[in-house]
Amino acid sequence: MLTIGISGGSGSGKSTVVNELIKQLPGEAVTVIPQDSYYWDNGNKTPEEKQQINFDHPDAIEWQLLIAQLRELKSGNTIEMPDYSYVECARSAETVSICARKIIIVEGILILTEPELRDLLDIKVFVDADPDDRLMRIIRRDTEERGRSFDQGMRHYESFVKPMHLQFIEPSKRFADIIIPQGGKNTVAIDILASRIKLTI
């Protein structure tokens, strides 16, 4: 079993890299664990309080649950992964059954900031991208998928995303084994990573 961590700033193209890897690998061999599924449940907060949640700080993640469930997968067991909604800022009452497979990909902006989680990763990848490109993707995602207006998205970026990126996410790049510049557009780097993974299957 091979465990791969794919990190990088918000809007850097992590999901694109993951999806491109999945295309090149046998579908039955890959399990993906999104860090976003492990945000603390904030469903009891008011709409105003939800607007102030800092999703880009490590304290927003229930790390011990993520780590415990990753250990279960590495032991060959099935887990019940939380199902989190950004729009509601809450976990669903339902969970998602995830089976152990040959390749486990853990994906998220903060995964390289947590030492205990890093120790469980065989390959650590950081997806890098130009800040302007990341900002455009973030604003598009916030307005199309997360129910924010353009102004709300910009305020959220200035208040939370940018300062947390500089404080936590960018420094975590030093823990990466592989850095993929140009985000998901770097097909050469993705192909090389896929080839390395295929050697373990």
N, C-alpha and C. Protein backbone atom coordinates (compact mmCIF):
# COMPACT_ATOMS: atom_id res chain seq x y z
N MET A 1 0.85 -1.20 0.00
CA MET A 1 0.00 0.00 0.00
C MET A 1 0.88 1.24 0.00
N LEU A 2 0.52 2.23 -0.83
CA LEU A 2 1.26 3.48 -0.94
C LEU A 2 0.35 4.63 -0.55
N THR A 3 0.83 5.48 0.35
CA THR A 3 0.06 6.63 0.82
C THR A 3 0.70 7.91 0.32
N ILE A 4 -0.08 8.70 -0.42
CA ILE A 4 0.44 9.93 -1.05
C ILE A 4 -0.32 11.13 -0.49
N GLY A 5 0.41 12.14 -0.08
CA GLY A 5 -0.19 13.40 0.35
C GLY A 5 -0.02 14.44 -0.73
N ILE A 6 -1.10 15.10 -1.12
CA ILE A 6 -1.04 16.16 -2.14
C ILE A 6 -1.56 17.44 -1.53
N SER A 7 -0.64 18.38 -1.31
CA SER A 7 -0.97 19.64 -0.67
C SER A 7 -0.71 20.79 -1.63
N GLY A 8 -0.90 22.01 -1.13
CA GLY A 8 -0.71 23.21 -1.94
C GLY A 8 -1.74 24.24 -1.55
N GLY A 9 -1.55 25.46 -1.99
CA GLY A 9 -2.46 26.53 -1.63
C GLY A 9 -3.85 26.34 -2.19
N SER A 10 -4.80 27.05 -1.61
CA SER A 10 -6.16 27.03 -2.12
C SER A 10 -6.16 27.54 -3.56
N GLY A 11 -6.79 26.79 -4.46
CA GLY A 11 -6.84 27.18 -5.86
C GLY A 11 -5.58 26.87 -6.64
N SER A 12 -4.68 26.06 -6.09
CA SER A 12 -3.41 25.79 -6.77
C SER A 12 -3.53 24.72 -7.85
N GLY A 13 -4.59 23.94 -7.82
CA GLY A 13 -4.76 22.88 -8.81
C GLY A 13 -4.59 21.49 -8.24
N LYS A 14 -4.70 21.35 -6.91
CA LYS A 14 -4.55 20.03 -6.27
C LYS A 14 -5.56 19.03 -6.81
N SER A 15 -6.80 19.44 -6.90
CA SER A 15 -7.84 18.52 -7.37
C SER A 15 -7.58 18.10 -8.81
N THR A 16 -7.07 19.02 -9.62
CA THR A 16 -6.73 18.68 -11.00
C THR A 16 -5.63 17.63 -11.04
N VAL A 17 -4.61 17.81 -10.21
CA VAL A 17 -3.53 16.83 -10.14
C VAL A 17 -4.07 15.47 -9.72
N VAL A 18 -4.91 15.45 -8.69
CA VAL A 18 -5.49 14.19 -8.21
C VAL A 18 -6.30 13.53 -9.33
N ASN A 19 -7.13 14.30 -10.00
CA ASN A 19 -7.97 13.73 -11.06
C ASN A 19 -7.15 13.20 -12.22
N GLU A 20 -6.06 13.91 -12.55
CA GLU A 20 -5.20 13.43 -13.64
C GLU A 20 -4.48 12.15 -13.24
N LEU A 21 -4.07 12.05 -11.99
CA LEU A 21 -3.44 10.82 -11.51
C LEU A 21 -4.43 9.65 -11.58
N ILE A 22 -5.65 9.90 -11.15
CA ILE A 22 -6.67 8.84 -11.17
C ILE A 22 -6.90 8.33 -12.60
N LYS A 23 -6.87 9.24 -13.58
CA LYS A 23 -7.05 8.85 -14.98
C LYS A 23 -5.96 7.88 -15.44
N GLN A 24 -4.75 8.07 -14.88
CA GLN A 24 -3.62 7.26 -15.33
C GLN A 24 -3.42 5.98 -14.53
N LEU A 25 -4.17 5.83 -13.45
CA LEU A 25 -4.02 4.66 -12.58
C LEU A 25 -5.28 3.80 -12.64
N PRO A 26 -5.16 2.52 -12.37
CA PRO A 26 -6.36 1.67 -12.33
C PRO A 26 -7.35 2.18 -11.29
N GLY A 27 -8.59 2.40 -11.71
CA GLY A 27 -9.59 3.00 -10.82
C GLY A 27 -9.79 2.23 -9.53
N GLU A 28 -9.71 0.91 -9.62
CA GLU A 28 -9.95 0.08 -8.43
C GLU A 28 -8.78 0.11 -7.46
N ALA A 29 -7.69 0.80 -7.85
CA ALA A 29 -6.49 0.80 -7.00
C ALA A 29 -6.38 2.04 -6.12
N VAL A 30 -7.25 3.05 -6.34
CA VAL A 30 -7.06 4.36 -5.70
C VAL A 30 -8.22 4.72 -4.78
N THR A 31 -7.87 5.19 -3.57
CA THR A 31 -8.82 5.78 -2.64
C THR A 31 -8.37 7.21 -2.37
N VAL A 32 -9.30 8.17 -2.41
CA VAL A 32 -8.97 9.56 -2.15
C VAL A 32 -9.63 10.01 -0.85
N ILE A 33 -8.81 10.60 0.03
CA ILE A 33 -9.30 11.14 1.30
C ILE A 33 -9.12 12.65 1.28
N PRO A 34 -10.21 13.43 1.14
CA PRO A 34 -10.08 14.89 1.15
C PRO A 34 -9.97 15.41 2.58
N GLN A 35 -8.99 16.25 2.82
CA GLN A 35 -8.88 16.91 4.12
C GLN A 35 -10.18 17.65 4.47
N ASP A 36 -10.85 18.21 3.45
CA ASP A 36 -12.04 19.03 3.68
C ASP A 36 -13.16 18.26 4.38
N SER A 37 -13.16 16.94 4.27
CA SER A 37 -14.20 16.15 4.93
C SER A 37 -14.07 16.20 6.44
N TYR A 38 -12.93 16.65 6.94
CA TYR A 38 -12.64 16.58 8.37
C TYR A 38 -12.69 17.94 9.07
N TYR A 39 -13.32 18.94 8.40
CA TYR A 39 -13.56 20.19 9.11
C TYR A 39 -14.51 19.93 10.27
N TRP A 40 -14.27 20.65 11.37
CA TRP A 40 -15.17 20.53 12.52
C TRP A 40 -16.59 20.93 12.11
N ASP A 41 -17.57 20.31 12.73
CA ASP A 41 -18.97 20.61 12.46
C ASP A 41 -19.32 21.97 13.07
N ASN A 42 -19.72 22.92 12.22
CA ASN A 42 -20.11 24.25 12.68
C ASN A 42 -21.56 24.57 12.32
N GLY A 43 -22.36 23.52 12.18
CA GLY A 43 -23.73 23.70 11.76
C GLY A 43 -24.59 24.48 12.74
N ASN A 44 -24.16 24.55 14.01
CA ASN A 44 -24.96 25.25 15.02
C ASN A 44 -24.68 26.75 15.07
N LYS A 45 -23.75 27.23 14.26
CA LYS A 45 -23.42 28.66 14.27
C LYS A 45 -24.43 29.46 13.46
N THR A 46 -24.52 30.75 13.75
CA THR A 46 -25.38 31.64 12.99
C THR A 46 -24.75 31.92 11.62
N PRO A 47 -25.55 32.40 10.65
CA PRO A 47 -24.96 32.75 9.34
C PRO A 47 -23.81 33.73 9.46
N GLU A 48 -23.93 34.68 10.37
CA GLU A 48 -22.87 35.67 10.56
C GLU A 48 -21.60 35.00 11.11
N GLU A 49 -21.78 34.09 12.04
CA GLU A 49 -20.63 33.38 12.61
C GLU A 49 -19.96 32.49 11.57
N LYS A 50 -20.77 31.89 10.70
CA LYS A 50 -20.22 31.02 9.66
C LYS A 50 -19.34 31.80 8.70
N GLN A 51 -19.69 33.07 8.45
CA GLN A 51 -18.89 33.90 7.56
C GLN A 51 -17.49 34.15 8.13
N GLN A 52 -17.34 33.98 9.44
CA GLN A 52 -16.07 34.27 10.10
C GLN A 52 -15.23 33.02 10.36
N ILE A 53 -15.68 31.87 9.89
CA ILE A 53 -14.90 30.64 10.10
C ILE A 53 -13.63 30.69 9.25
N ASN A 54 -12.52 30.42 9.88
CA ASN A 54 -11.23 30.42 9.18
C ASN A 54 -10.90 28.99 8.75
N PHE A 55 -11.31 28.63 7.54
CA PHE A 55 -11.10 27.28 7.02
C PHE A 55 -9.64 27.00 6.68
N ASP A 56 -8.82 28.04 6.69
CA ASP A 56 -7.43 27.89 6.26
C ASP A 56 -6.45 27.80 7.43
N HIS A 57 -6.97 27.70 8.64
CA HIS A 57 -6.13 27.53 9.84
C HIS A 57 -6.12 26.06 10.23
N PRO A 58 -4.98 25.52 10.65
CA PRO A 58 -4.94 24.10 11.04
C PRO A 58 -5.94 23.72 12.11
N ASP A 59 -6.32 24.65 12.97
CA ASP A 59 -7.27 24.34 14.04
C ASP A 59 -8.67 24.05 13.51
N ALA A 60 -8.93 24.33 12.24
CA ALA A 60 -10.25 24.07 11.66
C ALA A 60 -10.47 22.60 11.36
N ILE A 61 -9.40 21.81 11.43
CA ILE A 61 -9.46 20.39 11.04
C ILE A 61 -9.44 19.48 12.26
N GLU A 62 -10.27 18.44 12.25
CA GLU A 62 -10.22 17.42 13.30
C GLU A 62 -9.14 16.41 12.92
N TRP A 63 -7.90 16.77 13.20
CA TRP A 63 -6.76 15.98 12.77
C TRP A 63 -6.77 14.57 13.35
N GLN A 64 -7.11 14.43 14.59
CA GLN A 64 -7.03 13.11 15.21
C GLN A 64 -7.98 12.11 14.55
N LEU A 65 -9.13 12.58 14.10
CA LEU A 65 -10.04 11.68 13.38
C LEU A 65 -9.46 11.32 12.02
N LEU A 66 -8.93 12.31 11.30
CA LEU A 66 -8.32 12.03 10.01
C LEU A 66 -7.16 11.04 10.15
N ILE A 67 -6.30 11.27 11.13
CA ILE A 67 -5.15 10.40 11.34
C ILE A 67 -5.59 8.99 11.72
N ALA A 68 -6.57 8.91 12.63
CA ALA A 68 -7.06 7.59 13.06
C ALA A 68 -7.66 6.83 11.89
N GLN A 69 -8.42 7.51 11.05
CA GLN A 69 -9.05 6.82 9.93
C GLN A 69 -8.03 6.45 8.85
N LEU A 70 -6.99 7.27 8.67
CA LEU A 70 -5.94 6.90 7.74
C LEU A 70 -5.20 5.67 8.23
N ARG A 71 -4.96 5.59 9.52
CA ARG A 71 -4.31 4.39 10.09
C ARG A 71 -5.18 3.15 9.86
N GLU A 72 -6.49 3.31 9.98
CA GLU A 72 -7.40 2.19 9.74
C GLU A 72 -7.30 1.72 8.29
N LEU A 73 -7.28 2.66 7.36
CA LEU A 73 -7.16 2.29 5.95
C LEU A 73 -5.84 1.59 5.69
N LYS A 74 -4.76 2.10 6.28
CA LYS A 74 -3.45 1.48 6.07
C LYS A 74 -3.40 0.07 6.67
N SER A 75 -4.30 -0.20 7.62
CA SER A 75 -4.39 -1.54 8.21
C SER A 75 -5.32 -2.44 7.42
N GLY A 76 -5.91 -1.90 6.34
CA GLY A 76 -6.77 -2.70 5.49
C GLY A 76 -8.24 -2.65 5.85
N ASN A 77 -8.63 -1.74 6.75
CA ASN A 77 -10.02 -1.66 7.20
C ASN A 77 -10.80 -0.59 6.45
N THR A 78 -12.12 -0.74 6.43
CA THR A 78 -13.01 0.26 5.85
C THR A 78 -13.32 1.32 6.90
N ILE A 79 -13.44 2.58 6.44
CA ILE A 79 -13.78 3.67 7.37
C ILE A 79 -15.11 4.30 6.97
N GLU A 80 -15.67 5.05 7.90
CA GLU A 80 -16.85 5.87 7.64
C GLU A 80 -16.41 7.33 7.68
N MET A 81 -16.12 7.87 6.52
CA MET A 81 -15.59 9.23 6.42
C MET A 81 -16.71 10.26 6.57
N PRO A 82 -16.47 11.34 7.30
CA PRO A 82 -17.48 12.40 7.40
C PRO A 82 -17.81 13.00 6.04
N ASP A 83 -19.02 13.52 5.92
CA ASP A 83 -19.47 14.19 4.70
C ASP A 83 -19.74 15.64 5.07
N TYR A 84 -18.88 16.57 4.61
CA TYR A 84 -18.95 17.97 5.05
C TYR A 84 -19.48 18.86 3.94
N SER A 85 -20.35 19.82 4.30
CA SER A 85 -20.91 20.78 3.36
C SER A 85 -20.36 22.17 3.67
N TYR A 86 -19.69 22.78 2.70
CA TYR A 86 -19.20 24.15 2.87
C TYR A 86 -20.36 25.13 2.98
N VAL A 87 -21.42 24.89 2.22
CA VAL A 87 -22.55 25.82 2.22
C VAL A 87 -23.19 25.87 3.60
N GLU A 88 -23.36 24.70 4.24
CA GLU A 88 -23.97 24.64 5.57
C GLU A 88 -22.94 24.74 6.69
N CYS A 89 -21.66 24.61 6.35
CA CYS A 89 -20.58 24.59 7.36
C CYS A 89 -20.83 23.48 8.38
N ALA A 90 -21.34 22.36 7.90
CA ALA A 90 -21.75 21.30 8.82
C ALA A 90 -21.48 19.92 8.21
N ARG A 91 -21.35 18.95 9.09
CA ARG A 91 -21.26 17.56 8.64
C ARG A 91 -22.66 16.99 8.50
N SER A 92 -22.81 16.18 7.47
CA SER A 92 -24.07 15.49 7.27
C SER A 92 -24.23 14.39 8.32
N ALA A 93 -25.47 14.00 8.56
CA ALA A 93 -25.72 12.87 9.46
C ALA A 93 -25.22 11.57 8.83
N GLU A 94 -25.13 11.57 7.50
CA GLU A 94 -24.64 10.40 6.77
C GLU A 94 -23.11 10.46 6.66
N THR A 95 -22.51 9.29 6.55
CA THR A 95 -21.07 9.20 6.31
C THR A 95 -20.83 8.50 4.98
N VAL A 96 -19.57 8.49 4.54
CA VAL A 96 -19.19 7.87 3.28
C VAL A 96 -18.28 6.68 3.58
N SER A 97 -18.67 5.50 3.13
CA SER A 97 -17.85 4.31 3.35
C SER A 97 -16.68 4.32 2.36
N ILE A 98 -15.48 4.22 2.91
CA ILE A 98 -14.26 4.24 2.11
C ILE A 98 -13.49 2.96 2.38
N CYS A 99 -13.18 2.24 1.30
CA CYS A 99 -12.45 0.98 1.42
C CYS A 99 -10.95 1.19 1.27
N ALA A 100 -10.17 0.35 1.91
CA ALA A 100 -8.72 0.37 1.75
C ALA A 100 -8.36 -0.13 0.36
N ARG A 101 -7.43 0.55 -0.31
CA ARG A 101 -6.96 0.14 -1.62
C ARG A 101 -5.44 0.27 -1.68
N LYS A 102 -4.87 -0.12 -2.81
CA LYS A 102 -3.41 -0.13 -2.92
C LYS A 102 -2.80 1.25 -2.81
N ILE A 103 -3.54 2.27 -3.29
CA ILE A 103 -3.04 3.64 -3.28
C ILE A 103 -4.05 4.52 -2.53
N ILE A 104 -3.57 5.21 -1.51
CA ILE A 104 -4.40 6.15 -0.76
C ILE A 104 -3.85 7.54 -1.01
N ILE A 105 -4.68 8.43 -1.54
CA ILE A 105 -4.28 9.82 -1.75
C ILE A 105 -5.00 10.68 -0.72
N VAL A 106 -4.23 11.39 0.09
CA VAL A 106 -4.79 12.36 1.04
C VAL A 106 -4.55 13.75 0.45
N GLU A 107 -5.61 14.51 0.26
CA GLU A 107 -5.50 15.78 -0.45
C GLU A 107 -6.04 16.92 0.39
N GLY A 108 -5.28 18.03 0.47
CA GLY A 108 -5.77 19.19 1.21
C GLY A 108 -4.70 20.24 1.42
N ILE A 109 -5.14 21.46 1.68
CA ILE A 109 -4.21 22.58 1.77
C ILE A 109 -3.29 22.50 2.99
N LEU A 110 -3.73 21.83 4.04
CA LEU A 110 -3.00 21.88 5.31
C LEU A 110 -2.33 20.57 5.71
N ILE A 111 -2.39 19.56 4.87
CA ILE A 111 -1.97 18.23 5.33
C ILE A 111 -0.48 18.14 5.66
N LEU A 112 0.34 18.99 5.06
CA LEU A 112 1.77 18.94 5.37
C LEU A 112 2.13 19.76 6.61
N THR A 113 1.13 20.42 7.21
CA THR A 113 1.40 21.19 8.43
C THR A 113 1.32 20.33 9.68
N GLU A 114 0.76 19.12 9.56
CA GLU A 114 0.51 18.26 10.72
C GLU A 114 1.56 17.14 10.77
N PRO A 115 2.48 17.19 11.75
CA PRO A 115 3.59 16.22 11.78
C PRO A 115 3.15 14.76 11.83
N GLU A 116 2.13 14.45 12.65
CA GLU A 116 1.71 13.06 12.78
C GLU A 116 1.14 12.53 11.49
N LEU A 117 0.45 13.38 10.75
CA LEU A 117 -0.08 12.97 9.45
C LEU A 117 1.05 12.81 8.44
N ARG A 118 1.99 13.73 8.43
CA ARG A 118 3.13 13.63 7.51
C ARG A 118 3.85 12.30 7.67
N ASP A 119 3.96 11.83 8.90
CA ASP A 119 4.68 10.58 9.15
C ASP A 119 3.99 9.37 8.52
N LEU A 120 2.71 9.51 8.19
CA LEU A 120 1.96 8.40 7.59
C LEU A 120 2.02 8.43 6.06
N LEU A 121 2.62 9.46 5.49
CA LEU A 121 2.65 9.63 4.04
C LEU A 121 3.96 9.12 3.45
N ASP A 122 3.87 8.27 2.45
CA ASP A 122 5.06 7.73 1.79
C ASP A 122 5.65 8.73 0.80
N ILE A 123 4.77 9.46 0.11
CA ILE A 123 5.20 10.48 -0.84
C ILE A 123 4.43 11.75 -0.53
N LYS A 124 5.16 12.86 -0.36
CA LYS A 124 4.53 14.14 -0.04
C LYS A 124 4.73 15.10 -1.22
N VAL A 125 3.61 15.59 -1.76
CA VAL A 125 3.62 16.43 -2.95
C VAL A 125 3.06 17.80 -2.61
N PHE A 126 3.70 18.85 -3.12
CA PHE A 126 3.18 20.21 -2.97
C PHE A 126 2.92 20.77 -4.37
N VAL A 127 1.66 21.16 -4.61
CA VAL A 127 1.27 21.74 -5.90
C VAL A 127 1.38 23.25 -5.79
N ASP A 128 2.26 23.83 -6.58
CA ASP A 128 2.54 25.27 -6.53
C ASP A 128 1.86 25.96 -7.70
N ALA A 129 1.49 27.23 -7.49
CA ALA A 129 0.85 27.98 -8.57
C ALA A 129 1.00 29.47 -8.31
N ASP A 130 0.90 30.25 -9.35
CA ASP A 130 1.00 31.71 -9.24
C ASP A 130 -0.15 32.24 -8.38
N PRO A 131 0.14 33.17 -7.45
CA PRO A 131 -0.92 33.70 -6.57
C PRO A 131 -2.11 34.29 -7.32
N ASP A 132 -1.87 34.98 -8.44
CA ASP A 132 -2.98 35.56 -9.20
C ASP A 132 -3.88 34.47 -9.77
N ASP A 133 -3.26 33.40 -10.26
CA ASP A 133 -4.05 32.29 -10.78
C ASP A 133 -4.88 31.65 -9.67
N ARG A 134 -4.27 31.49 -8.48
CA ARG A 134 -5.00 30.90 -7.36
C ARG A 134 -6.18 31.79 -6.96
N LEU A 135 -5.95 33.11 -6.92
CA LEU A 135 -7.03 34.02 -6.52
C LEU A 135 -8.21 33.92 -7.48
N MET A 136 -7.95 33.88 -8.78
CA MET A 136 -9.06 33.78 -9.74
C MET A 136 -9.85 32.49 -9.53
N ARG A 137 -9.14 31.38 -9.30
CA ARG A 137 -9.84 30.11 -9.08
C ARG A 137 -10.64 30.14 -7.78
N ILE A 138 -10.07 30.74 -6.75
CA ILE A 138 -10.75 30.81 -5.45
C ILE A 138 -12.05 31.60 -5.57
N ILE A 139 -12.00 32.78 -6.20
CA ILE A 139 -13.19 33.61 -6.33
C ILE A 139 -14.25 32.89 -7.17
N ARG A 140 -13.83 32.25 -8.25
CA ARG A 140 -14.78 31.50 -9.09
C ARG A 140 -15.44 30.37 -8.30
N ARG A 141 -14.64 29.63 -7.53
CA ARG A 141 -15.18 28.53 -6.74
C ARG A 141 -16.12 29.03 -5.65
N ASP A 142 -15.72 30.12 -4.97
CA ASP A 142 -16.54 30.63 -3.87
C ASP A 142 -17.90 31.11 -4.36
N THR A 143 -17.93 31.75 -5.53
CA THR A 143 -19.21 32.27 -6.04
C THR A 143 -20.07 31.17 -6.65
N GLU A 144 -19.42 30.18 -7.31
CA GLU A 144 -20.18 29.15 -8.00
C GLU A 144 -20.57 27.99 -7.10
N GLU A 145 -19.73 27.66 -6.10
CA GLU A 145 -19.96 26.44 -5.32
C GLU A 145 -20.27 26.70 -3.84
N ARG A 146 -19.87 27.84 -3.31
CA ARG A 146 -19.96 28.03 -1.86
C ARG A 146 -20.90 29.14 -1.44
N GLY A 147 -21.64 29.67 -2.38
CA GLY A 147 -22.70 30.60 -2.04
C GLY A 147 -22.24 31.99 -1.62
N ARG A 148 -21.00 32.37 -1.94
CA ARG A 148 -20.51 33.69 -1.58
C ARG A 148 -20.66 34.64 -2.77
N SER A 149 -20.89 35.92 -2.46
CA SER A 149 -20.86 36.94 -3.51
C SER A 149 -19.40 37.25 -3.84
N PHE A 150 -19.18 38.02 -4.91
CA PHE A 150 -17.81 38.39 -5.27
C PHE A 150 -17.15 39.15 -4.13
N ASP A 151 -17.87 40.12 -3.55
CA ASP A 151 -17.30 40.92 -2.45
C ASP A 151 -17.00 40.05 -1.23
N GLN A 152 -17.90 39.12 -0.92
CA GLN A 152 -17.65 38.21 0.22
C GLN A 152 -16.43 37.35 -0.04
N GLY A 153 -16.28 36.88 -1.28
CA GLY A 153 -15.12 36.07 -1.63
C GLY A 153 -13.82 36.83 -1.48
N MET A 154 -13.82 38.10 -1.92
CA MET A 154 -12.62 38.92 -1.80
C MET A 154 -12.29 39.21 -0.34
N ARG A 155 -13.30 39.50 0.46
CA ARG A 155 -13.05 39.76 1.89
C ARG A 155 -12.53 38.51 2.57
N HIS A 156 -13.10 37.35 2.21
CA HIS A 156 -12.64 36.10 2.80
C HIS A 156 -11.19 35.83 2.42
N TYR A 157 -10.84 36.10 1.17
CA TYR A 157 -9.47 35.89 0.72
C TYR A 157 -8.51 36.80 1.48
N GLU A 158 -8.85 38.07 1.61
CA GLU A 158 -7.96 39.03 2.27
C GLU A 158 -7.85 38.77 3.77
N SER A 159 -8.94 38.31 4.39
CA SER A 159 -8.95 38.12 5.84
C SER A 159 -8.36 36.78 6.27
N PHE A 160 -8.60 35.74 5.46
CA PHE A 160 -8.23 34.40 5.88
C PHE A 160 -7.27 33.69 4.92
N VAL A 161 -7.66 33.60 3.65
CA VAL A 161 -6.92 32.74 2.73
C VAL A 161 -5.47 33.20 2.54
N LYS A 162 -5.27 34.47 2.22
CA LYS A 162 -3.92 34.96 1.96
C LYS A 162 -3.03 34.91 3.19
N PRO A 163 -3.46 35.45 4.35
CA PRO A 163 -2.57 35.40 5.52
C PRO A 163 -2.28 33.99 6.01
N MET A 164 -3.26 33.07 5.92
CA MET A 164 -3.03 31.70 6.36
C MET A 164 -2.10 30.96 5.39
N HIS A 165 -2.22 31.33 4.11
CA HIS A 165 -1.30 30.72 3.13
C HIS A 165 0.14 31.09 3.47
N LEU A 166 0.35 32.34 3.78
CA LEU A 166 1.71 32.81 4.08
C LEU A 166 2.21 32.24 5.41
N GLN A 167 1.31 32.09 6.37
CA GLN A 167 1.73 31.64 7.70
C GLN A 167 1.92 30.12 7.79
N PHE A 168 1.03 29.37 7.15
CA PHE A 168 1.03 27.91 7.34
C PHE A 168 1.34 27.10 6.08
N ILE A 169 0.68 27.44 4.98
CA ILE A 169 0.70 26.56 3.81
C ILE A 169 2.00 26.68 3.03
N GLU A 170 2.37 27.90 2.68
CA GLU A 170 3.62 28.09 1.94
C GLU A 170 4.83 27.51 2.69
N PRO A 171 4.96 27.75 4.02
CA PRO A 171 6.10 27.15 4.74
C PRO A 171 6.09 25.63 4.74
N SER A 172 4.91 25.01 4.61
CA SER A 172 4.85 23.54 4.64
C SER A 172 5.44 22.92 3.39
N LYS A 173 5.72 23.74 2.38
CA LYS A 173 6.32 23.25 1.13
C LYS A 173 7.67 22.57 1.39
N ARG A 174 8.35 23.00 2.45
CA ARG A 174 9.69 22.44 2.72
C ARG A 174 9.63 20.97 3.12
N PHE A 175 8.44 20.48 3.48
CA PHE A 175 8.29 19.07 3.85
C PHE A 175 8.01 18.18 2.64
N ALA A 176 7.80 18.78 1.47
CA ALA A 176 7.42 18.01 0.28
C ALA A 176 8.61 17.26 -0.30
N ASP A 177 8.35 16.07 -0.80
CA ASP A 177 9.34 15.32 -1.57
C ASP A 177 9.36 15.78 -3.02
N ILE A 178 8.19 16.19 -3.50
CA ILE A 178 8.04 16.62 -4.89
C ILE A 178 7.24 17.92 -4.91
N ILE A 179 7.71 18.91 -5.67
CA ILE A 179 6.96 20.15 -5.86
C ILE A 179 6.56 20.22 -7.34
N ILE A 180 5.26 20.42 -7.58
CA ILE A 180 4.75 20.52 -8.94
C ILE A 180 4.44 21.98 -9.23
N PRO A 181 5.30 22.68 -9.98
CA PRO A 181 4.99 24.07 -10.34
C PRO A 181 3.93 24.12 -11.43
N GLN A 182 3.29 25.27 -11.56
CA GLN A 182 2.26 25.50 -12.59
C GLN A 182 0.98 24.71 -12.34
N GLY A 183 0.82 24.22 -11.10
CA GLY A 183 -0.42 23.55 -10.75
C GLY A 183 -0.76 22.37 -11.63
N GLY A 184 -2.05 22.23 -11.91
CA GLY A 184 -2.52 21.09 -12.69
C GLY A 184 -2.17 21.14 -14.16
N LYS A 185 -1.56 22.26 -14.61
CA LYS A 185 -1.17 22.38 -16.01
C LYS A 185 0.14 21.65 -16.31
N ASN A 186 0.85 21.24 -15.27
CA ASN A 186 2.17 20.64 -15.46
C ASN A 186 2.01 19.14 -15.73
N THR A 187 1.68 18.82 -16.97
CA THR A 187 1.42 17.42 -17.31
C THR A 187 2.68 16.57 -17.23
N VAL A 188 3.83 17.17 -17.47
CA VAL A 188 5.08 16.40 -17.40
C VAL A 188 5.30 15.89 -15.98
N ALA A 189 5.16 16.79 -15.00
CA ALA A 189 5.36 16.40 -13.61
C ALA A 189 4.33 15.36 -13.16
N ILE A 190 3.08 15.55 -13.61
CA ILE A 190 2.03 14.59 -13.25
C ILE A 190 2.33 13.22 -13.84
N ASP A 191 2.79 13.20 -15.09
CA ASP A 191 3.14 11.93 -15.73
C ASP A 191 4.28 11.23 -14.99
N ILE A 192 5.28 11.99 -14.57
CA ILE A 192 6.40 11.41 -13.84
C ILE A 192 5.92 10.83 -12.51
N LEU A 193 5.07 11.56 -11.80
CA LEU A 193 4.54 11.08 -10.53
C LEU A 193 3.70 9.82 -10.74
N ALA A 194 2.86 9.81 -11.77
CA ALA A 194 2.04 8.63 -12.07
C ALA A 194 2.92 7.42 -12.37
N SER A 195 4.00 7.64 -13.11
CA SER A 195 4.91 6.54 -13.44
C SER A 195 5.55 5.97 -12.18
N ARG A 196 5.92 6.85 -11.26
CA ARG A 196 6.50 6.40 -9.99
C ARG A 196 5.49 5.59 -9.20
N ILE A 197 4.24 6.01 -9.18
CA ILE A 197 3.22 5.30 -8.43
C ILE A 197 2.95 3.92 -9.04
N LYS A 198 2.95 3.85 -10.36
CA LYS A 198 2.67 2.59 -11.05
C LYS A 198 3.68 1.51 -10.70
N LEU A 199 4.88 1.91 -10.32
CA LEU A 199 5.90 0.93 -9.95
C LEU A 199 5.52 0.14 -8.70
N THR A 200 4.59 0.68 -7.90
CA THR A 200 4.21 0.03 -6.64
C THR A 200 2.99 -0.87 -6.80
N ILE A 201 2.30 -0.76 -7.94
CA ILE A 201 1.06 -1.53 -8.13
C ILE A 201 1.37 -2.97 -8.51
